[in-house]
PDB file of all heavy atoms in Angstrom:
ATOM      1  N   THR A   1     111.241 108.992  83.744  1.00  0.00           N
ATOM      2  CA  THR A   1     111.430 108.385  85.065  1.00  0.00           C
ATOM      3  C   THR A   1     110.116 108.218  85.824  1.00  0.00           C
ATOM      4  O   THR A   1     110.120 107.962  87.028  1.00  0.00           O
ATOM      5  CB  THR A   1     112.394 109.243  85.902  1.00  0.00           C
ATOM      6  OG1 THR A   1     111.832 110.553  86.102  1.00  0.00           O
ATOM      7  CG2 THR A   1     113.737 109.386  85.207  1.00  0.00           C
ATOM      8  N   GLN A   2     109.008 108.346  85.130  1.00  0.00           N
ATOM      9  CA  GLN A   2     107.695 108.264  85.758  1.00  0.00           C
ATOM     10  C   GLN A   2     107.466 106.886  86.388  1.00  0.00           C
ATOM     11  O   GLN A   2     107.767 105.848  85.790  1.00  0.00           O
ATOM     12  CB  GLN A   2     106.613 108.513  84.698  1.00  0.00           C
ATOM     13  CG  GLN A   2     105.235 108.716  85.235  1.00  0.00           C
ATOM     14  CD  GLN A   2     105.058 110.110  85.833  1.00  0.00           C
ATOM     15  OE1 GLN A   2     104.376 110.231  86.819  1.00  0.00           O
ATOM     16  NE2 GLN A   2     105.654 111.115  85.243  1.00  0.00           N
ATOM     17  N   ASP A   3     106.921 106.880  87.592  1.00  0.00           N
ATOM     18  CA  ASP A   3     106.576 105.631  88.250  1.00  0.00           C
ATOM     19  C   ASP A   3     105.421 104.957  87.501  1.00  0.00           C
ATOM     20  O   ASP A   3     104.426 105.606  87.164  1.00  0.00           O
ATOM     21  CB  ASP A   3     106.166 105.903  89.697  1.00  0.00           C
ATOM     22  CG  ASP A   3     105.916 104.622  90.467  1.00  0.00           C
ATOM     23  OD1 ASP A   3     106.875 104.053  90.995  1.00  0.00           O
ATOM     24  OD2 ASP A   3     104.741 104.210  90.525  1.00  0.00           O
ATOM     25  N   VAL A   4     105.563 103.651  87.245  1.00  0.00           N
ATOM     26  CA  VAL A   4     104.570 102.940  86.438  1.00  0.00           C
ATOM     27  C   VAL A   4     103.199 102.941  87.112  1.00  0.00           C
ATOM     28  O   VAL A   4     102.164 102.988  86.430  1.00  0.00           O
ATOM     29  CB  VAL A   4     105.036 101.497  86.151  1.00  0.00           C
ATOM     30  CG1 VAL A   4     103.982 100.734  85.351  1.00  0.00           C
ATOM     31  CG2 VAL A   4     106.352 101.514  85.389  1.00  0.00           C
ATOM     32  N   SER A   5     103.169 102.905  88.434  1.00  0.00           N
ATOM     33  CA  SER A   5     101.881 102.915  89.131  1.00  0.00           C
ATOM     34  C   SER A   5     101.147 104.236  88.906  1.00  0.00           C
ATOM     35  O   SER A   5      99.911 104.258  88.786  1.00  0.00           O
ATOM     36  CB  SER A   5     102.080 102.680  90.627  1.00  0.00           C
ATOM     37  OG  SER A   5     102.850 103.717  91.214  1.00  0.00           O
ATOM     38  N   GLN A   6     101.888 105.338  88.803  1.00  0.00           N
ATOM     39  CA  GLN A   6     101.264 106.626  88.515  1.00  0.00           C
ATOM     40  C   GLN A   6     100.727 106.672  87.090  1.00  0.00           C
ATOM     41  O   GLN A   6      99.660 107.250  86.835  1.00  0.00           O
ATOM     42  CB  GLN A   6     102.265 107.758  88.742  1.00  0.00           C
ATOM     43  CG  GLN A   6     102.691 107.923  90.197  1.00  0.00           C
ATOM     44  CD  GLN A   6     103.704 109.030  90.366  1.00  0.00           C
ATOM     45  OE1 GLN A   6     104.372 109.431  89.410  1.00  0.00           O
ATOM     46  NE2 GLN A   6     103.846 109.531  91.589  1.00  0.00           N
ATOM     47  N   ILE A   7     101.464 106.052  86.180  1.00  0.00           N
ATOM     48  CA  ILE A   7     100.985 105.988  84.794  1.00  0.00           C
ATOM     49  C   ILE A   7      99.682 105.200  84.726  1.00  0.00           C
ATOM     50  O   ILE A   7      98.735 105.586  84.031  1.00  0.00           O
ATOM     51  CB  ILE A   7     102.054 105.351  83.879  1.00  0.00           C
ATOM     52  CG1 ILE A   7     103.319 106.205  83.865  1.00  0.00           C
ATOM     53  CG2 ILE A   7     101.515 105.176  82.462  1.00  0.00           C
ATOM     54  CD1 ILE A   7     104.462 105.598  83.089  1.00  0.00           C
ATOM     55  N   ARG A   8      99.606 104.099  85.483  1.00  0.00           N
ATOM     56  CA  ARG A   8      98.376 103.310  85.479  1.00  0.00           C
ATOM     57  C   ARG A   8      97.206 104.116  86.045  1.00  0.00           C
ATOM     58  O   ARG A   8      96.075 104.043  85.513  1.00  0.00           O
ATOM     59  CB  ARG A   8      98.571 102.032  86.289  1.00  0.00           C
ATOM     60  CG  ARG A   8      97.322 101.148  86.270  1.00  0.00           C
ATOM     61  CD  ARG A   8      97.556  99.794  86.868  1.00  0.00           C
ATOM     62  NE  ARG A   8      96.399  98.937  86.664  1.00  0.00           N
ATOM     63  CZ  ARG A   8      96.364  97.657  86.971  1.00  0.00           C
ATOM     64  NH1 ARG A   8      97.433  97.060  87.497  1.00  0.00           N
ATOM     65  NH2 ARG A   8      95.283  96.931  86.746  1.00  0.00           N
ATOM     66  N   GLN A   9      97.448 104.889  87.090  1.00  0.00           N
ATOM     67  CA  GLN A   9      96.382 105.721  87.654  1.00  0.00           C
ATOM     68  C   GLN A   9      95.860 106.721  86.625  1.00  0.00           C
ATOM     69  O   GLN A   9      94.652 106.923  86.499  1.00  0.00           O
ATOM     70  CB  GLN A   9      96.901 106.457  88.889  1.00  0.00           C
ATOM     71  CG  GLN A   9      97.144 105.557  90.098  1.00  0.00           C
ATOM     72  CD  GLN A   9      97.819 106.290  91.249  1.00  0.00           C
ATOM     73  OE1 GLN A   9      98.007 107.503  91.193  1.00  0.00           O
ATOM     74  NE2 GLN A   9      98.187 105.559  92.286  1.00  0.00           N
ATOM     75  N   ARG A  10      96.786 107.319  85.869  1.00  0.00           N
ATOM     76  CA  ARG A  10      96.351 108.266  84.841  1.00  0.00           C
ATOM     77  C   ARG A  10      95.610 107.562  83.721  1.00  0.00           C
ATOM     78  O   ARG A  10      94.653 108.083  83.162  1.00  0.00           O
ATOM     79  CB  ARG A  10      97.556 109.042  84.298  1.00  0.00           C
ATOM     80  CG  ARG A  10      98.064 110.094  85.245  1.00  0.00           C
ATOM     81  CD  ARG A  10      98.759 111.223  84.500  1.00  0.00           C
ATOM     82  NE  ARG A  10      99.909 110.767  83.757  1.00  0.00           N
ATOM     83  CZ  ARG A  10     101.131 110.621  84.278  1.00  0.00           C
ATOM     84  NH1 ARG A  10     101.330 110.893  85.561  1.00  0.00           N
ATOM     85  NH2 ARG A  10     102.129 110.201  83.550  1.00  0.00           N
ATOM     86  N   ALA A  11      96.072 106.349  83.372  1.00  0.00           N
ATOM     87  CA  ALA A  11      95.386 105.584  82.334  1.00  0.00           C
ATOM     88  C   ALA A  11      93.953 105.268  82.757  1.00  0.00           C
ATOM     89  O   ALA A  11      93.014 105.387  81.960  1.00  0.00           O
ATOM     90  CB  ALA A  11      96.155 104.292  82.047  1.00  0.00           C
ATOM     91  N   GLU A  12      93.782 104.882  84.004  1.00  0.00           N
ATOM     92  CA  GLU A  12      92.432 104.555  84.490  1.00  0.00           C
ATOM     93  C   GLU A  12      91.556 105.807  84.552  1.00  0.00           C
ATOM     94  O   GLU A  12      90.354 105.756  84.242  1.00  0.00           O
ATOM     95  CB  GLU A  12      92.529 103.891  85.868  1.00  0.00           C
ATOM     96  CG  GLU A  12      93.151 102.489  85.795  1.00  0.00           C
ATOM     97  CD  GLU A  12      93.490 101.916  87.161  1.00  0.00           C
ATOM     98  OE1 GLU A  12      93.501 102.701  88.144  1.00  0.00           O
ATOM     99  OE2 GLU A  12      93.755 100.699  87.251  1.00  0.00           O
ATOM    100  N   ALA A  13      92.155 106.940  84.925  1.00  0.00           N
ATOM    101  CA  ALA A  13      91.393 108.186  84.950  1.00  0.00           C
ATOM    102  C   ALA A  13      90.989 108.599  83.540  1.00  0.00           C
ATOM    103  O   ALA A  13      89.859 109.078  83.311  1.00  0.00           O
ATOM    104  CB  ALA A  13      92.217 109.289  85.609  1.00  0.00           C
ATOM    105  N   LEU A  14      91.886 108.404  82.581  1.00  0.00           N
ATOM    106  CA  LEU A  14      91.573 108.747  81.191  1.00  0.00           C
ATOM    107  C   LEU A  14      90.486 107.825  80.646  1.00  0.00           C
ATOM    108  O   LEU A  14      89.554 108.279  79.963  1.00  0.00           O
ATOM    109  CB  LEU A  14      92.840 108.644  80.335  1.00  0.00           C
ATOM    110  CG  LEU A  14      92.667 108.925  78.833  1.00  0.00           C
ATOM    111  CD1 LEU A  14      92.104 110.329  78.603  1.00  0.00           C
ATOM    112  CD2 LEU A  14      94.010 108.754  78.104  1.00  0.00           C
ATOM    113  N   GLN A  15      90.589 106.519  80.958  1.00  0.00           N
ATOM    114  CA  GLN A  15      89.558 105.587  80.511  1.00  0.00           C
ATOM    115  C   GLN A  15      88.189 105.985  81.056  1.00  0.00           C
ATOM    116  O   GLN A  15      87.190 105.991  80.331  1.00  0.00           O
ATOM    117  CB  GLN A  15      89.897 104.167  80.963  1.00  0.00           C
ATOM    118  CG  GLN A  15      88.852 103.138  80.532  1.00  0.00           C
ATOM    119  CD  GLN A  15      88.979 101.832  81.299  1.00  0.00           C
ATOM    120  OE1 GLN A  15      89.476 101.829  82.432  1.00  0.00           O
ATOM    121  NE2 GLN A  15      88.525 100.738  80.717  1.00  0.00           N
ATOM    122  N   LYS A  16      88.159 106.340  82.312  1.00  0.00           N
ATOM    123  CA  LYS A  16      86.894 106.766  82.924  1.00  0.00           C
ATOM    124  C   LYS A  16      86.373 108.039  82.267  1.00  0.00           C
ATOM    125  O   LYS A  16      85.166 108.189  82.040  1.00  0.00           O
ATOM    126  CB  LYS A  16      87.104 106.997  84.419  1.00  0.00           C
ATOM    127  CG  LYS A  16      85.844 107.368  85.172  1.00  0.00           C
ATOM    128  CD  LYS A  16      86.119 107.529  86.658  1.00  0.00           C
ATOM    129  CE  LYS A  16      84.855 107.932  87.411  1.00  0.00           C
ATOM    130  NZ  LYS A  16      85.127 108.106  88.874  1.00  0.00           N
ATOM    131  N   GLY A  17      87.264 108.944  81.921  1.00  0.00           N
ATOM    132  CA  GLY A  17      86.850 110.190  81.294  1.00  0.00           C
ATOM    133  C   GLY A  17      86.316 110.004  79.892  1.00  0.00           C
ATOM    134  O   GLY A  17      85.398 110.715  79.466  1.00  0.00           O
ATOM    135  N   VAL A  18      86.891 109.050  79.157  1.00  0.00           N
ATOM    136  CA  VAL A  18      86.424 108.794  77.780  1.00  0.00           C
ATOM    137  C   VAL A  18      85.147 107.963  77.803  1.00  0.00           C
ATOM    138  O   VAL A  18      84.201 108.217  77.052  1.00  0.00           O
ATOM    139  CB  VAL A  18      87.519 108.091  76.958  1.00  0.00           C
ATOM    140  CG1 VAL A  18      86.987 107.728  75.573  1.00  0.00           C
ATOM    141  CG2 VAL A  18      88.756 108.978  76.846  1.00  0.00           C
ATOM    142  N   GLY A  19      85.120 106.958  78.664  1.00  0.00           N
ATOM    143  CA  GLY A  19      83.916 106.132  78.781  1.00  0.00           C
ATOM    144  C   GLY A  19      83.934 104.951  77.847  1.00  0.00           C
ATOM    145  O   GLY A  19      84.855 104.125  77.874  1.00  0.00           O
ATOM    146  N   LYS A  20      82.962 104.866  76.985  1.00  0.00           N
ATOM    147  CA  LYS A  20      82.733 103.671  76.166  1.00  0.00           C
ATOM    148  C   LYS A  20      83.914 103.377  75.233  1.00  0.00           C
ATOM    149  O   LYS A  20      84.695 104.241  74.888  1.00  0.00           O
ATOM    150  CB  LYS A  20      81.476 103.862  75.323  1.00  0.00           C
ATOM    151  CG  LYS A  20      81.583 105.024  74.328  1.00  0.00           C
ATOM    152  CD  LYS A  20      80.341 105.151  73.477  1.00  0.00           C
ATOM    153  CE  LYS A  20      80.483 106.284  72.452  1.00  0.00           C
ATOM    154  NZ  LYS A  20      79.314 106.396  71.584  1.00  0.00           N
ATOM    155  N   ASP A  21      83.976 102.114  74.836  1.00  0.00           N
ATOM    156  CA  ASP A  21      84.922 101.645  73.819  1.00  0.00           C
ATOM    157  C   ASP A  21      86.382 101.847  74.195  1.00  0.00           C
ATOM    158  O   ASP A  21      87.235 102.100  73.342  1.00  0.00           O
ATOM    159  CB  ASP A  21      84.656 102.319  72.465  1.00  0.00           C
ATOM    160  CG  ASP A  21      83.259 102.077  71.938  1.00  0.00           C
ATOM    161  OD1 ASP A  21      82.724 100.987  72.196  1.00  0.00           O
ATOM    162  OD2 ASP A  21      82.692 102.982  71.300  1.00  0.00           O
ATOM    163  N   THR A  22      86.710 101.735  75.485  1.00  0.00           N
ATOM    164  CA  THR A  22      88.105 101.879  75.902  1.00  0.00           C
ATOM    165  C   THR A  22      88.471 100.803  76.912  1.00  0.00           C
ATOM    166  O   THR A  22      87.602 100.254  77.594  1.00  0.00           O
ATOM    167  CB  THR A  22      88.364 103.258  76.548  1.00  0.00           C
ATOM    168  OG1 THR A  22      87.561 103.388  77.720  1.00  0.00           O
ATOM    169  CG2 THR A  22      88.058 104.395  75.583  1.00  0.00           C
ATOM    170  N   GLU A  23      89.751 100.510  77.002  1.00  0.00           N
ATOM    171  CA  GLU A  23      90.252  99.611  78.040  1.00  0.00           C
ATOM    172  C   GLU A  23      91.699  99.963  78.353  1.00  0.00           C
ATOM    173  O   GLU A  23      92.413 100.534  77.526  1.00  0.00           O
ATOM    174  CB  GLU A  23      90.139  98.152  77.613  1.00  0.00           C
ATOM    175  CG  GLU A  23      90.975  97.780  76.409  1.00  0.00           C
ATOM    176  CD  GLU A  23      90.844  96.309  76.053  1.00  0.00           C
ATOM    177  OE1 GLU A  23      90.874  95.469  76.978  1.00  0.00           O
ATOM    178  OE2 GLU A  23      90.719  95.999  74.851  1.00  0.00           O
ATOM    179  N   VAL A  24      92.144  99.626  79.554  1.00  0.00           N
ATOM    180  CA  VAL A  24      93.522  99.861  79.983  1.00  0.00           C
ATOM    181  C   VAL A  24      94.300  98.564  79.812  1.00  0.00           C
ATOM    182  O   VAL A  24      93.878  97.510  80.294  1.00  0.00           O
ATOM    183  CB  VAL A  24      93.569 100.331  81.450  1.00  0.00           C
ATOM    184  CG1 VAL A  24      95.015 100.438  81.936  1.00  0.00           C
ATOM    185  CG2 VAL A  24      92.855 101.668  81.607  1.00  0.00           C
ATOM    186  N   ILE A  25      95.442  98.649  79.120  1.00  0.00           N
ATOM    187  CA  ILE A  25      96.259  97.466  78.878  1.00  0.00           C
ATOM    188  C   ILE A  25      97.724  97.787  79.179  1.00  0.00           C
ATOM    189  O   ILE A  25      98.129  98.950  79.187  1.00  0.00           O
ATOM    190  CB  ILE A  25      96.142  96.966  77.416  1.00  0.00           C
ATOM    191  CG1 ILE A  25      96.642  98.052  76.456  1.00  0.00           C
ATOM    192  CG2 ILE A  25      94.704  96.567  77.097  1.00  0.00           C
ATOM    193  CD1 ILE A  25      96.783  97.581  75.021  1.00  0.00           C
ATOM    194  N   GLU A  26      98.512  96.750  79.434  1.00  0.00           N
ATOM    195  CA  GLU A  26      99.951  96.944  79.597  1.00  0.00           C
ATOM    196  C   GLU A  26     100.590  97.163  78.230  1.00  0.00           C
ATOM    197  O   GLU A  26     100.122  96.649  77.209  1.00  0.00           O
ATOM    198  CB  GLU A  26     100.590  95.737  80.269  1.00  0.00           C
ATOM    199  CG  GLU A  26     100.244  95.601  81.739  1.00  0.00           C
ATOM    200  CD  GLU A  26     101.098  94.557  82.422  1.00  0.00           C
ATOM    201  OE1 GLU A  26     102.254  94.881  82.787  1.00  0.00           O
ATOM    202  OE2 GLU A  26     100.627  93.426  82.578  1.00  0.00           O
ATOM    203  N   GLY A  27     101.669  97.937  78.206  1.00  0.00           N
ATOM    204  CA  GLY A  27     102.354  98.188  76.950  1.00  0.00           C
ATOM    205  C   GLY A  27     103.764  98.693  77.176  1.00  0.00           C
ATOM    206  O   GLY A  27     104.324  98.564  78.267  1.00  0.00           O
ATOM    207  N   GLU A  28     104.343  99.261  76.131  1.00  0.00           N
ATOM    208  CA  GLU A  28     105.708  99.760  76.191  1.00  0.00           C
ATOM    209  C   GLU A  28     105.785 101.162  75.610  1.00  0.00           C
ATOM    210  O   GLU A  28     105.050 101.506  74.682  1.00  0.00           O
ATOM    211  CB  GLU A  28     106.657  98.839  75.409  1.00  0.00           C
ATOM    212  CG  GLU A  28     106.820  97.456  76.017  1.00  0.00           C
ATOM    213  CD  GLU A  28     107.732  96.576  75.189  1.00  0.00           C
ATOM    214  OE1 GLU A  28     107.741  96.753  73.947  1.00  0.00           O
ATOM    215  OE2 GLU A  28     108.429  95.726  75.763  1.00  0.00           O
ATOM    216  N   SER A  29     106.685 101.963  76.186  1.00  0.00           N
ATOM    217  CA  SER A  29     107.012 103.283  75.651  1.00  0.00           C
ATOM    218  C   SER A  29     108.397 103.224  75.028  1.00  0.00           C
ATOM    219  O   SER A  29     109.268 102.483  75.495  1.00  0.00           O
ATOM    220  CB  SER A  29     107.019 104.347  76.749  1.00  0.00           C
ATOM    221  OG  SER A  29     105.803 104.398  77.448  1.00  0.00           O
ATOM    222  N   GLU A  30     108.606 104.010  73.981  1.00  0.00           N
ATOM    223  CA  GLU A  30     109.936 104.176  73.408  1.00  0.00           C
ATOM    224  C   GLU A  30     110.431 105.583  73.705  1.00  0.00           C
ATOM    225  O   GLU A  30     109.651 106.534  73.727  1.00  0.00           O
ATOM    226  CB  GLU A  30     109.912 103.931  71.898  1.00  0.00           C
ATOM    227  CG  GLU A  30     109.634 102.488  71.530  1.00  0.00           C
ATOM    228  CD  GLU A  30     109.829 102.219  70.052  1.00  0.00           C
ATOM    229  OE1 GLU A  30     110.561 102.998  69.402  1.00  0.00           O
ATOM    230  OE2 GLU A  30     109.251 101.255  69.547  1.00  0.00           O
ATOM    231  N   VAL A  31     111.744 105.716  73.909  1.00  0.00           N
ATOM    232  CA  VAL A  31     112.301 107.009  74.295  1.00  0.00           C
ATOM    233  C   VAL A  31     112.207 108.003  73.142  1.00  0.00           C
ATOM    234  O   VAL A  31     111.696 109.104  73.275  1.00  0.00           O
ATOM    235  CB  VAL A  31     113.756 106.854  74.764  1.00  0.00           C
ATOM    236  CG1 VAL A  31     114.349 108.215  75.114  1.00  0.00           C
ATOM    237  CG2 VAL A  31     113.808 105.915  75.959  1.00  0.00           C
ATOM    238  N   GLY A  32     112.724 107.624  71.964  1.00  0.00           N
ATOM    239  CA  GLY A  32     112.689 108.527  70.820  1.00  0.00           C
ATOM    240  C   GLY A  32     113.653 109.689  70.959  1.00  0.00           C
ATOM    241  O   GLY A  32     114.539 109.688  71.818  1.00  0.00           O
ATOM    242  N   GLY A  33     113.475 110.699  70.106  1.00  0.00           N
ATOM    243  CA  GLY A  33     114.334 111.875  70.167  1.00  0.00           C
ATOM    244  C   GLY A  33     115.784 111.587  69.830  1.00  0.00           C
ATOM    245  O   GLY A  33     116.687 112.296  70.276  1.00  0.00           O
ATOM    246  N   GLY A  34     116.045 110.540  69.036  1.00  0.00           N
ATOM    247  CA  GLY A  34     117.422 110.224  68.680  1.00  0.00           C
ATOM    248  C   GLY A  34     118.266 109.789  69.852  1.00  0.00           C
ATOM    249  O   GLY A  34     119.441 110.153  69.962  1.00  0.00           O
ATOM    250  N   SER A  35     117.695 108.989  70.747  1.00  0.00           N
ATOM    251  CA  SER A  35     118.440 108.549  71.929  1.00  0.00           C
ATOM    252  C   SER A  35     117.922 107.204  72.405  1.00  0.00           C
ATOM    253  O   SER A  35     116.791 106.832  72.118  1.00  0.00           O
ATOM    254  CB  SER A  35     118.311 109.577  73.056  1.00  0.00           C
ATOM    255  OG  SER A  35     116.953 109.806  73.367  1.00  0.00           O
ATOM    256  N   PHE A  36     118.764 106.477  73.119  1.00  0.00           N
ATOM    257  CA  PHE A  36     118.414 105.155  73.656  1.00  0.00           C
ATOM    258  C   PHE A  36     117.726 104.276  72.608  1.00  0.00           C
ATOM    259  O   PHE A  36     116.616 103.783  72.830  1.00  0.00           O
ATOM    260  CB  PHE A  36     117.510 105.296  74.882  1.00  0.00           C
ATOM    261  CG  PHE A  36     118.193 105.849  76.093  1.00  0.00           C
ATOM    262  CD1 PHE A  36     117.940 107.144  76.525  1.00  0.00           C
ATOM    263  CD2 PHE A  36     119.101 105.080  76.811  1.00  0.00           C
ATOM    264  CE1 PHE A  36     118.574 107.662  77.643  1.00  0.00           C
ATOM    265  CE2 PHE A  36     119.743 105.580  77.936  1.00  0.00           C
ATOM    266  CZ  PHE A  36     119.476 106.884  78.351  1.00  0.00           C
ATOM    267  N   PRO A  37     118.356 104.058  71.445  1.00  0.00           N
ATOM    268  CA  PRO A  37     117.716 103.240  70.421  1.00  0.00           C
ATOM    269  C   PRO A  37     117.448 101.824  70.921  1.00  0.00           C
ATOM    270  O   PRO A  37     118.312 101.190  71.532  1.00  0.00           O
ATOM    271  CB  PRO A  37     118.736 103.241  69.274  1.00  0.00           C
ATOM    272  CG  PRO A  37     120.043 103.540  69.938  1.00  0.00           C
ATOM    273  CD  PRO A  37     119.721 104.466  71.063  1.00  0.00           C
ATOM    274  N   GLY A  38     116.239 101.356  70.688  1.00  0.00           N
ATOM    275  CA  GLY A  38     115.868  99.999  71.088  1.00  0.00           C
ATOM    276  C   GLY A  38     115.404  99.861  72.511  1.00  0.00           C
ATOM    277  O   GLY A  38     114.893  98.800  72.897  1.00  0.00           O
ATOM    278  N   ALA A  39     115.567 100.905  73.327  1.00  0.00           N
ATOM    279  CA  ALA A  39     115.167 100.814  74.730  1.00  0.00           C
ATOM    280  C   ALA A  39     113.645 100.872  74.859  1.00  0.00           C
ATOM    281  O   ALA A  39     112.978 101.641  74.172  1.00  0.00           O
ATOM    282  CB  ALA A  39     115.796 101.946  75.530  1.00  0.00           C
ATOM    283  N   LYS A  40     113.098 100.047  75.744  1.00  0.00           N
ATOM    284  CA  LYS A  40     111.656 100.006  75.996  1.00  0.00           C
ATOM    285  C   LYS A  40     111.399 100.279  77.476  1.00  0.00           C
ATOM    286  O   LYS A  40     112.141  99.823  78.344  1.00  0.00           O
ATOM    287  CB  LYS A  40     111.079  98.631  75.644  1.00  0.00           C
ATOM    288  CG  LYS A  40     111.358  98.163  74.209  1.00  0.00           C
ATOM    289  CD  LYS A  40     110.543  98.917  73.197  1.00  0.00           C
ATOM    290  CE  LYS A  40     110.740  98.306  71.805  1.00  0.00           C
ATOM    291  NZ  LYS A  40     109.990  99.045  70.766  1.00  0.00           N
ATOM    292  N   LEU A  41     110.340 101.014  77.739  1.00  0.00           N
ATOM    293  CA  LEU A  41     109.926 101.296  79.110  1.00  0.00           C
ATOM    294  C   LEU A  41     108.527 100.736  79.331  1.00  0.00           C
ATOM    295  O   LEU A  41     107.628 100.943  78.501  1.00  0.00           O
ATOM    296  CB  LEU A  41     109.917 102.810  79.357  1.00  0.00           C
ATOM    297  CG  LEU A  41     111.279 103.509  79.356  1.00  0.00           C
ATOM    298  CD1 LEU A  41     111.092 105.019  79.362  1.00  0.00           C
ATOM    299  CD2 LEU A  41     112.109 103.068  80.548  1.00  0.00           C
ATOM    300  N   ARG A  42     108.345 100.046  80.440  1.00  0.00           N
ATOM    301  CA  ARG A  42     107.025  99.500  80.748  1.00  0.00           C
ATOM    302  C   ARG A  42     106.045 100.639  81.010  1.00  0.00           C
ATOM    303  O   ARG A  42     106.354 101.622  81.666  1.00  0.00           O
ATOM    304  CB  ARG A  42     107.127  98.600  81.980  1.00  0.00           C
ATOM    305  CG  ARG A  42     105.811  97.947  82.377  1.00  0.00           C
ATOM    306  CD  ARG A  42     106.030  96.859  83.410  1.00  0.00           C
ATOM    307  NE  ARG A  42     104.757  96.470  84.010  1.00  0.00           N
ATOM    308  CZ  ARG A  42     104.374  96.766  85.231  1.00  0.00           C
ATOM    309  NH1 ARG A  42     105.175  97.472  86.016  1.00  0.00           N
ATOM    310  NH2 ARG A  42     103.205  96.377  85.695  1.00  0.00           N
ATOM    311  N   THR A  43     104.838 100.495  80.470  1.00  0.00           N
ATOM    312  CA  THR A  43     103.829 101.531  80.654  1.00  0.00           C
ATOM    313  C   THR A  43     102.438 100.901  80.639  1.00  0.00           C
ATOM    314  O   THR A  43     102.292  99.684  80.468  1.00  0.00           O
ATOM    315  CB  THR A  43     103.943 102.604  79.551  1.00  0.00           C
ATOM    316  OG1 THR A  43     103.161 103.745  79.912  1.00  0.00           O
ATOM    317  CG2 THR A  43     103.456 102.093  78.203  1.00  0.00           C
TER     318      THR A  43
END
């Protein structure tokens, strides 16, 4: 249930922490764990 804007903030913080050879892009998360088959979450 994570807010997508918070995920983006963490992605940008991680990119800054790693430095070179990284970029932040839009993508999808899958639930997994034998549940919600086929469901995608924006990330």
